[in-house]
Amino acid sequence: MGGNRAQVNKPHKSRFSTKATRQQHKTSLKDRSKVTKNNVAKGARAARLQRSKMIREQKRAAVLQDKRALSGSKSPPRVIVSG
């Protein structure tokens, strides 16, 4: 299995090997604000859901209106033609 060698910490496994490299990767507060996303699409999901709900309700209302128009005393008689 293992040999007699001493354990070696692999340098590619850790994020930063020295404090200097950690400082190199640090970004200033001014630069961080540029990286972050603006709230561009905030509320877009809610707007999509509301829009689809409105369309669904409008279609349902149209179907009900057609049903009501074709039933009742003022509707035209239904004629069944057998062929």
PDB file of N, CA and C in Angstrom:
ATOM      1  N   MET A   1       0.834  -1.190   0.000  1.00  0.00           N
ATOM      2  CA  MET A   1       0.000   0.000   0.000  1.00  0.00           C
ATOM      3  C   MET A   1       0.871   1.243   0.000  1.00  0.00           C
ATOM      4  N   GLY A   2       0.961   1.941   1.138  1.00  0.00           N
ATOM      5  CA  GLY A   2       1.728   3.180   1.198  1.00  0.00           C
ATOM      6  C   GLY A   2       3.206   2.915   1.403  1.00  0.00           C
ATOM      7  N   GLY A   3       4.016   3.859   0.950  1.00  0.00           N
ATOM      8  CA  GLY A   3       5.455   3.728   1.110  1.00  0.00           C
ATOM      9  C   GLY A   3       5.926   4.364   2.411  1.00  0.00           C
ATOM     10  N   ASN A   4       7.236   4.546   2.528  1.00  0.00           N
ATOM     11  CA  ASN A   4       7.823   5.125   3.726  1.00  0.00           C
ATOM     12  C   ASN A   4       7.879   6.640   3.666  1.00  0.00           C
ATOM     13  N   ARG A   5       7.427   7.209   2.547  1.00  0.00           N
ATOM     14  CA  ARG A   5       7.562   8.651   2.374  1.00  0.00           C
ATOM     15  C   ARG A   5       6.720   9.409   3.386  1.00  0.00           C
ATOM     16  N   ALA A   6       7.190  10.585   3.741  1.00  0.00           N
ATOM     17  CA  ALA A   6       6.427  11.441   4.650  1.00  0.00           C
ATOM     18  C   ALA A   6       5.256  12.059   3.891  1.00  0.00           C
ATOM     19  N   GLN A   7       4.222  12.393   4.623  1.00  0.00           N
ATOM     20  CA  GLN A   7       3.041  12.998   3.994  1.00  0.00           C
ATOM     21  C   GLN A   7       3.400  14.364   3.442  1.00  0.00           C
ATOM     22  N   VAL A   8       2.949  14.623   2.209  1.00  0.00           N
ATOM     23  CA  VAL A   8       3.212  15.910   1.573  1.00  0.00           C
ATOM     24  C   VAL A   8       1.868  16.567   1.278  1.00  0.00           C
ATOM     25  N   ASN A   9       1.725  17.803   1.709  1.00  0.00           N
ATOM     26  CA  ASN A   9       0.502  18.538   1.387  1.00  0.00           C
ATOM     27  C   ASN A   9       0.582  19.012  -0.058  1.00  0.00           C
ATOM     28  N   LYS A  10      -0.405  18.672  -0.819  1.00  0.00           N
ATOM     29  CA  LYS A  10      -0.382  19.000  -2.246  1.00  0.00           C
ATOM     30  C   LYS A  10      -0.731  20.474  -2.436  1.00  0.00           C
ATOM     31  N   PRO A  11       0.125  21.231  -3.114  1.00  0.00           N
ATOM     32  CA  PRO A  11      -0.117  22.669  -3.239  1.00  0.00           C
ATOM     33  C   PRO A  11      -1.345  23.014  -4.079  1.00  0.00           C
ATOM     34  N   HIS A  12      -1.740  22.135  -5.011  1.00  0.00           N
ATOM     35  CA  HIS A  12      -2.886  22.455  -5.860  1.00  0.00           C
ATOM     36  C   HIS A  12      -4.215  22.224  -5.144  1.00  0.00           C
ATOM     37  N   LYS A  13      -4.170  21.611  -3.962  1.00  0.00           N
ATOM     38  CA  LYS A  13      -5.405  21.323  -3.248  1.00  0.00           C
ATOM     39  C   LYS A  13      -5.911  22.533  -2.461  1.00  0.00           C
ATOM     40  N   SER A  14      -4.996  23.349  -1.964  1.00  0.00           N
ATOM     41  CA  SER A  14      -5.427  24.492  -1.149  1.00  0.00           C
ATOM     42  C   SER A  14      -5.716  25.687  -2.048  1.00  0.00           C
ATOM     43  N   ARG A  15      -6.513  26.606  -1.545  1.00  0.00           N
ATOM     44  CA  ARG A  15      -6.918  27.749  -2.372  1.00  0.00           C
ATOM     45  C   ARG A  15      -5.763  28.726  -2.551  1.00  0.00           C
ATOM     46  N   PHE A  16      -5.144  29.156  -1.465  1.00  0.00           N
ATOM     47  CA  PHE A  16      -4.025  30.100  -1.537  1.00  0.00           C
ATOM     48  C   PHE A  16      -2.859  29.525  -0.758  1.00  0.00           C
ATOM     49  N   SER A  17      -1.682  29.563  -1.368  1.00  0.00           N
ATOM     50  CA  SER A  17      -0.520  29.007  -0.684  1.00  0.00           C
ATOM     51  C   SER A  17       0.104  30.027   0.257  1.00  0.00           C
ATOM     52  N   THR A  18       0.044  31.317  -0.103  1.00  0.00           N
ATOM     53  CA  THR A  18       0.653  32.336   0.746  1.00  0.00           C
ATOM     54  C   THR A  18      -0.312  33.485   0.966  1.00  0.00           C
ATOM     55  N   LYS A  19       0.034  34.304   1.940  1.00  0.00           N
ATOM     56  CA  LYS A  19      -0.796  35.473   2.235  1.00  0.00           C
ATOM     57  C   LYS A  19      -0.722  36.488   1.088  1.00  0.00           C
ATOM     58  N   ALA A  20       0.422  36.558   0.417  1.00  0.00           N
ATOM     59  CA  ALA A  20       0.594  37.508  -0.685  1.00  0.00           C
ATOM     60  C   ALA A  20      -0.345  37.170  -1.847  1.00  0.00           C
ATOM     61  N   THR A  21      -0.464  35.895  -2.163  1.00  0.00           N
ATOM     62  CA  THR A  21      -1.365  35.526  -3.260  1.00  0.00           C
ATOM     63  C   THR A  21      -2.818  35.787  -2.881  1.00  0.00           C
ATOM     64  N   ARG A  22      -3.135  35.645  -1.607  1.00  0.00           N
ATOM     65  CA  ARG A  22      -4.493  35.944  -1.161  1.00  0.00           C
ATOM     66  C   ARG A  22      -4.803  37.427  -1.357  1.00  0.00           C
ATOM     67  N   GLN A  23      -3.818  38.281  -1.077  1.00  0.00           N
ATOM     68  CA  GLN A  23      -4.011  39.724  -1.243  1.00  0.00           C
ATOM     69  C   GLN A  23      -4.134  40.101  -2.719  1.00  0.00           C
ATOM     70  N   GLN A  24      -3.439  39.376  -3.579  1.00  0.00           N
ATOM     71  CA  GLN A  24      -3.521  39.659  -5.015  1.00  0.00           C
ATOM     72  C   GLN A  24      -4.939  39.434  -5.541  1.00  0.00           C
ATOM     73  N   HIS A  25      -5.613  38.433  -5.028  1.00  0.00           N
ATOM     74  CA  HIS A  25      -6.944  38.083  -5.513  1.00  0.00           C
ATOM     75  C   HIS A  25      -8.048  38.910  -4.880  1.00  0.00           C
ATOM     76  N   LYS A  26      -7.704  39.685  -3.876  1.00  0.00           N
ATOM     77  CA  LYS A  26      -8.716  40.519  -3.226  1.00  0.00           C
ATOM     78  C   LYS A  26      -9.152  41.632  -4.166  1.00  0.00           C
ATOM     79  N   THR A  27     -10.436  41.948  -4.153  1.00  0.00           N
ATOM     80  CA  THR A  27     -10.939  43.051  -4.972  1.00  0.00           C
ATOM     81  C   THR A  27     -11.356  44.187  -4.063  1.00  0.00           C
ATOM     82  N   SER A  28     -11.258  45.395  -4.571  1.00  0.00           N
ATOM     83  CA  SER A  28     -11.651  46.545  -3.769  1.00  0.00           C
ATOM     84  C   SER A  28     -13.167  46.649  -3.731  1.00  0.00           C
ATOM     85  N   LEU A  29     -13.683  47.438  -2.806  1.00  0.00           N
ATOM     86  CA  LEU A  29     -15.130  47.592  -2.664  1.00  0.00           C
ATOM     87  C   LEU A  29     -15.732  48.248  -3.899  1.00  0.00           C
ATOM     88  N   LYS A  30     -14.968  49.139  -4.543  1.00  0.00           N
ATOM     89  CA  LYS A  30     -15.463  49.805  -5.754  1.00  0.00           C
ATOM     90  C   LYS A  30     -15.645  48.799  -6.889  1.00  0.00           C
ATOM     91  N   ASP A  31     -14.685  47.883  -7.027  1.00  0.00           N
ATOM     92  CA  ASP A  31     -14.755  46.895  -8.099  1.00  0.00           C
ATOM     93  C   ASP A  31     -15.852  45.868  -7.843  1.00  0.00           C
ATOM     94  N   ARG A  32     -16.094  45.554  -6.573  1.00  0.00           N
ATOM     95  CA  ARG A  32     -17.122  44.562  -6.249  1.00  0.00           C
ATOM     96  C   ARG A  32     -18.499  45.024  -6.687  1.00  0.00           C
ATOM     97  N   SER A  33     -18.756  46.323  -6.585  1.00  0.00           N
ATOM     98  CA  SER A  33     -20.076  46.824  -6.961  1.00  0.00           C
ATOM     99  C   SER A  33     -20.315  46.677  -8.463  1.00  0.00           C
ATOM    100  N   LYS A  34     -19.246  46.698  -9.264  1.00  0.00           N
ATOM    101  CA  LYS A  34     -19.388  46.534 -10.708  1.00  0.00           C
ATOM    102  C   LYS A  34     -19.736  45.092 -11.066  1.00  0.00           C
ATOM    103  N   VAL A  35     -19.236  44.153 -10.270  1.00  0.00           N
ATOM    104  CA  VAL A  35     -19.416  42.742 -10.567  1.00  0.00           C
ATOM    105  C   VAL A  35     -20.840  42.292 -10.264  1.00  0.00           C
ATOM    106  N   THR A  36     -21.428  42.848  -9.218  1.00  0.00           N
ATOM    107  CA  THR A  36     -22.746  42.384  -8.791  1.00  0.00           C
ATOM    108  C   THR A  36     -23.807  42.735  -9.818  1.00  0.00           C
ATOM    109  N   LYS A  37     -24.844  41.923  -9.857  1.00  0.00           N
ATOM    110  CA  LYS A  37     -25.939  42.146 -10.792  1.00  0.00           C
ATOM    111  C   LYS A  37     -26.899  43.180 -10.225  1.00  0.00           C
ATOM    112  N   ASN A  38     -27.482  43.950 -11.107  1.00  0.00           N
ATOM    113  CA  ASN A  38     -28.545  44.850 -10.689  1.00  0.00           C
ATOM    114  C   ASN A  38     -29.846  44.060 -10.631  1.00  0.00           C
ATOM    115  N   ASN A  39     -30.824  44.628  -9.967  1.00  0.00           N
ATOM    116  CA  ASN A  39     -32.112  43.950  -9.866  1.00  0.00           C
ATOM    117  C   ASN A  39     -32.917  44.194 -11.139  1.00  0.00           C
ATOM    118  N   VAL A  40     -32.381  43.701 -12.243  1.00  0.00           N
ATOM    119  CA  VAL A  40     -33.009  43.948 -13.535  1.00  0.00           C
ATOM    120  C   VAL A  40     -34.280  43.120 -13.670  1.00  0.00           C
ATOM    121  N   ALA A  41     -34.176  41.843 -13.372  1.00  0.00           N
ATOM    122  CA  ALA A  41     -35.300  40.940 -13.600  1.00  0.00           C
ATOM    123  C   ALA A  41     -36.108  40.704 -12.333  1.00  0.00           C
ATOM    124  N   LYS A  42     -35.975  41.593 -11.373  1.00  0.00           N
ATOM    125  CA  LYS A  42     -36.704  41.389 -10.124  1.00  0.00           C
ATOM    126  C   LYS A  42     -38.191  41.600 -10.390  1.00  0.00           C
ATOM    127  N   GLY A  43     -38.990  40.648  -9.992  1.00  0.00           N
ATOM    128  CA  GLY A  43     -40.422  40.733 -10.220  1.00  0.00           C
ATOM    129  C   GLY A  43     -40.857  40.233 -11.580  1.00  0.00           C
ATOM    130  N   ALA A  44     -39.908  39.789 -12.397  1.00  0.00           N
ATOM    131  CA  ALA A  44     -40.262  39.310 -13.735  1.00  0.00           C
ATOM    132  C   ALA A  44     -41.060  38.020 -13.644  1.00  0.00           C
ATOM    133  N   ARG A  45     -40.707  37.171 -12.699  1.00  0.00           N
ATOM    134  CA  ARG A  45     -41.422  35.898 -12.542  1.00  0.00           C
ATOM    135  C   ARG A  45     -42.854  36.159 -12.114  1.00  0.00           C
ATOM    136  N   ALA A  46     -43.029  37.059 -11.162  1.00  0.00           N
ATOM    137  CA  ALA A  46     -44.375  37.388 -10.698  1.00  0.00           C
ATOM    138  C   ALA A  46     -45.209  37.983 -11.826  1.00  0.00           C
ATOM    139  N   ALA A  47     -44.576  38.814 -12.650  1.00  0.00           N
ATOM    140  CA  ALA A  47     -45.287  39.416 -13.783  1.00  0.00           C
ATOM    141  C   ALA A  47     -45.700  38.347 -14.790  1.00  0.00           C
ATOM    142  N   ARG A  48     -44.812  37.383 -15.047  1.00  0.00           N
ATOM    143  CA  ARG A  48     -45.141  36.285 -15.964  1.00  0.00           C
ATOM    144  C   ARG A  48     -46.311  35.467 -15.438  1.00  0.00           C
ATOM    145  N   LEU A  49     -46.264  35.147 -14.149  1.00  0.00           N
ATOM    146  CA  LEU A  49     -47.340  34.356 -13.553  1.00  0.00           C
ATOM    147  C   LEU A  49     -48.662  35.098 -13.618  1.00  0.00           C
ATOM    148  N   GLN A  50     -48.618  36.379 -13.306  1.00  0.00           N
ATOM    149  CA  GLN A  50     -49.847  37.172 -13.324  1.00  0.00           C
ATOM    150  C   GLN A  50     -50.410  37.269 -14.742  1.00  0.00           C
ATOM    151  N   ARG A  51     -49.526  37.442 -15.712  1.00  0.00           N
ATOM    152  CA  ARG A  51     -49.957  37.547 -17.112  1.00  0.00           C
ATOM    153  C   ARG A  51     -50.610  36.250 -17.571  1.00  0.00           C
ATOM    154  N   SER A  52     -49.978  35.119 -17.241  1.00  0.00           N
ATOM    155  CA  SER A  52     -50.550  33.830 -17.654  1.00  0.00           C
ATOM    156  C   SER A  52     -51.877  33.570 -16.957  1.00  0.00           C
ATOM    157  N   LYS A  53     -51.992  34.017 -15.717  1.00  0.00           N
ATOM    158  CA  LYS A  53     -53.250  33.847 -14.986  1.00  0.00           C
ATOM    159  C   LYS A  53     -54.364  34.675 -15.627  1.00  0.00           C
ATOM    160  N   MET A  54     -54.029  35.899 -16.023  1.00  0.00           N
ATOM    161  CA  MET A  54     -55.022  36.765 -16.666  1.00  0.00           C
ATOM    162  C   MET A  54     -55.486  36.166 -17.997  1.00  0.00           C
ATOM    163  N   ILE A  55     -54.541  35.660 -18.785  1.00  0.00           N
ATOM    164  CA  ILE A  55     -54.888  35.048 -20.073  1.00  0.00           C
ATOM    165  C   ILE A  55     -55.787  33.839 -19.850  1.00  0.00           C
ATOM    166  N   ARG A  56     -55.441  33.028 -18.849  1.00  0.00           N
ATOM    167  CA  ARG A  56     -56.237  31.841 -18.535  1.00  0.00           C
ATOM    168  C   ARG A  56     -57.665  32.224 -18.146  1.00  0.00           C
ATOM    169  N   GLU A  57     -57.795  33.248 -17.307  1.00  0.00           N
ATOM    170  CA  GLU A  57     -59.124  33.693 -16.868  1.00  0.00           C
ATOM    171  C   GLU A  57     -59.929  34.282 -18.027  1.00  0.00           C
ATOM    172  N   GLN A  58     -59.255  35.008 -18.926  1.00  0.00           N
ATOM    173  CA  GLN A  58     -59.954  35.579 -20.082  1.00  0.00           C
ATOM    174  C   GLN A  58     -60.474  34.483 -21.011  1.00  0.00           C
ATOM    175  N   LYS A  59     -59.662  33.447 -21.236  1.00  0.00           N
ATOM    176  CA  LYS A  59     -60.100  32.328 -22.073  1.00  0.00           C
ATOM    177  C   LYS A  59     -61.282  31.613 -21.435  1.00  0.00           C
ATOM    178  N   ARG A  60     -61.201  31.432 -20.122  1.00  0.00           N
ATOM    179  CA  ARG A  60     -62.278  30.749 -19.402  1.00  0.00           C
ATOM    180  C   ARG A  60     -63.565  31.562 -19.480  1.00  0.00           C
ATOM    181  N   ALA A  61     -63.451  32.868 -19.326  1.00  0.00           N
ATOM    182  CA  ALA A  61     -64.624  33.744 -19.398  1.00  0.00           C
ATOM    183  C   ALA A  61     -65.240  33.707 -20.796  1.00  0.00           C
ATOM    184  N   ALA A  62     -64.395  33.660 -21.829  1.00  0.00           N
ATOM    185  CA  ALA A  62     -64.903  33.608 -23.203  1.00  0.00           C
ATOM    186  C   ALA A  62     -65.663  32.308 -23.457  1.00  0.00           C
ATOM    187  N   VAL A  63     -65.140  31.198 -22.955  1.00  0.00           N
ATOM    188  CA  VAL A  63     -65.807  29.904 -23.128  1.00  0.00           C
ATOM    189  C   VAL A  63     -67.147  29.905 -22.410  1.00  0.00           C
ATOM    190  N   LEU A  64     -67.171  30.434 -21.186  1.00  0.00           N
ATOM    191  CA  LEU A  64     -68.424  30.491 -20.424  1.00  0.00           C
ATOM    192  C   LEU A  64     -69.447  31.383 -21.116  1.00  0.00           C
ATOM    193  N   GLN A  65     -68.982  32.475 -21.677  1.00  0.00           N
ATOM    194  CA  GLN A  65     -69.887  33.393 -22.376  1.00  0.00           C
ATOM    195  C   GLN A  65     -70.503  32.712 -23.602  1.00  0.00           C
ATOM    196  N   ASP A  66     -69.699  31.955 -24.338  1.00  0.00           N
ATOM    197  CA  ASP A  66     -70.219  31.213 -25.492  1.00  0.00           C
ATOM    198  C   ASP A  66     -71.241  30.169 -25.058  1.00  0.00           C
ATOM    199  N   LYS A  67     -70.941  29.485 -23.951  1.00  0.00           N
ATOM    200  CA  LYS A  67     -71.873  28.472 -23.455  1.00  0.00           C
ATOM    201  C   LYS A  67     -73.204  29.111 -23.072  1.00  0.00           C
ATOM    202  N   ARG A  68     -73.115  30.242 -22.390  1.00  0.00           N
ATOM    203  CA  ARG A  68     -74.338  30.924 -21.953  1.00  0.00           C
ATOM    204  C   ARG A  68     -75.129  31.456 -23.143  1.00  0.00           C
ATOM    205  N   ALA A  69     -74.418  31.891 -24.185  1.00  0.00           N
ATOM    206  CA  ALA A  69     -75.092  32.431 -25.367  1.00  0.00           C
ATOM    207  C   ALA A  69     -75.841  31.335 -26.122  1.00  0.00           C
ATOM    208  N   LEU A  70     -75.296  30.124 -26.102  1.00  0.00           N
ATOM    209  CA  LEU A  70     -75.909  29.023 -26.852  1.00  0.00           C
ATOM    210  C   LEU A  70     -76.948  28.247 -26.042  1.00  0.00           C
ATOM    211  N   SER A  71     -77.137  28.591 -24.795  1.00  0.00           N
ATOM    212  CA  SER A  71     -78.151  27.905 -23.994  1.00  0.00           C
ATOM    213  C   SER A  71     -79.148  28.936 -23.477  1.00  0.00           C
ATOM    214  N   GLY A  72     -80.323  28.504 -23.162  1.00  0.00           N
ATOM    215  CA  GLY A  72     -81.344  29.410 -22.654  1.00  0.00           C
ATOM    216  C   GLY A  72     -82.478  29.578 -23.647  1.00  0.00           C
ATOM    217  N   SER A  73     -83.421  30.446 -23.296  1.00  0.00           N
ATOM    218  CA  SER A  73     -84.628  30.599 -24.125  1.00  0.00           C
ATOM    219  C   SER A  73     -84.367  31.421 -25.386  1.00  0.00           C
ATOM    220  N   LYS A  74     -83.370  32.305 -25.355  1.00  0.00           N
ATOM    221  CA  LYS A  74     -83.113  33.183 -26.505  1.00  0.00           C
ATOM    222  C   LYS A  74     -82.152  32.565 -27.524  1.00  0.00           C
ATOM    223  N   SER A  75     -81.719  31.341 -27.271  1.00  0.00           N
ATOM    224  CA  SER A  75     -80.738  30.726 -28.159  1.00  0.00           C
ATOM    225  C   SER A  75     -81.416  30.127 -29.385  1.00  0.00           C
ATOM    226  N   PRO A  76     -80.688  30.007 -30.488  1.00  0.00           N
ATOM    227  CA  PRO A  76     -81.270  29.375 -31.687  1.00  0.00           C
ATOM    228  C   PRO A  76     -81.488  27.879 -31.436  1.00  0.00           C
ATOM    229  N   PRO A  77     -82.458  27.289 -32.100  1.00  0.00           N
ATOM    230  CA  PRO A  77     -82.721  25.861 -31.879  1.00  0.00           C
ATOM    231  C   PRO A  77     -81.577  24.990 -32.400  1.00  0.00           C
ATOM    232  N   ARG A  78     -81.354  23.912 -31.684  1.00  0.00           N
ATOM    233  CA  ARG A  78     -80.309  22.978 -32.093  1.00  0.00           C
ATOM    234  C   ARG A  78     -80.898  22.006 -33.100  1.00  0.00           C
ATOM    235  N   VAL A  79     -80.256  21.905 -34.228  1.00  0.00           N
ATOM    236  CA  VAL A  79     -80.740  21.007 -35.285  1.00  0.00           C
ATOM    237  C   VAL A  79     -79.708  19.908 -35.477  1.00  0.00           C
ATOM    238  N   ILE A  80     -80.134  18.689 -35.311  1.00  0.00           N
ATOM    239  CA  ILE A  80     -79.240  17.553 -35.496  1.00  0.00           C
ATOM    240  C   ILE A  80     -79.520  16.955 -36.866  1.00  0.00           C
ATOM    241  N   VAL A  81     -78.526  16.994 -37.716  1.00  0.00           N
ATOM    242  CA  VAL A  81     -78.678  16.470 -39.076  1.00  0.00           C
ATOM    243  C   VAL A  81     -78.044  15.094 -39.115  1.00  0.00           C
ATOM    244  N   SER A  82     -78.837  14.096 -39.413  1.00  0.00           N
ATOM    245  CA  SER A  82     -78.277  12.745 -39.506  1.00  0.00           C
ATOM    246  C   SER A  82     -77.937  12.456 -40.964  1.00  0.00           C
ATOM    247  N   GLY A  83     -76.757  11.977 -41.164  1.00  0.00           N
ATOM    248  CA  GLY A  83     -76.317  11.810 -42.530  1.00  0.00           C
ATOM    249  C   GLY A  83     -76.215  10.457 -42.985  1.00  0.00           C
TER     250      GLY A  83
END
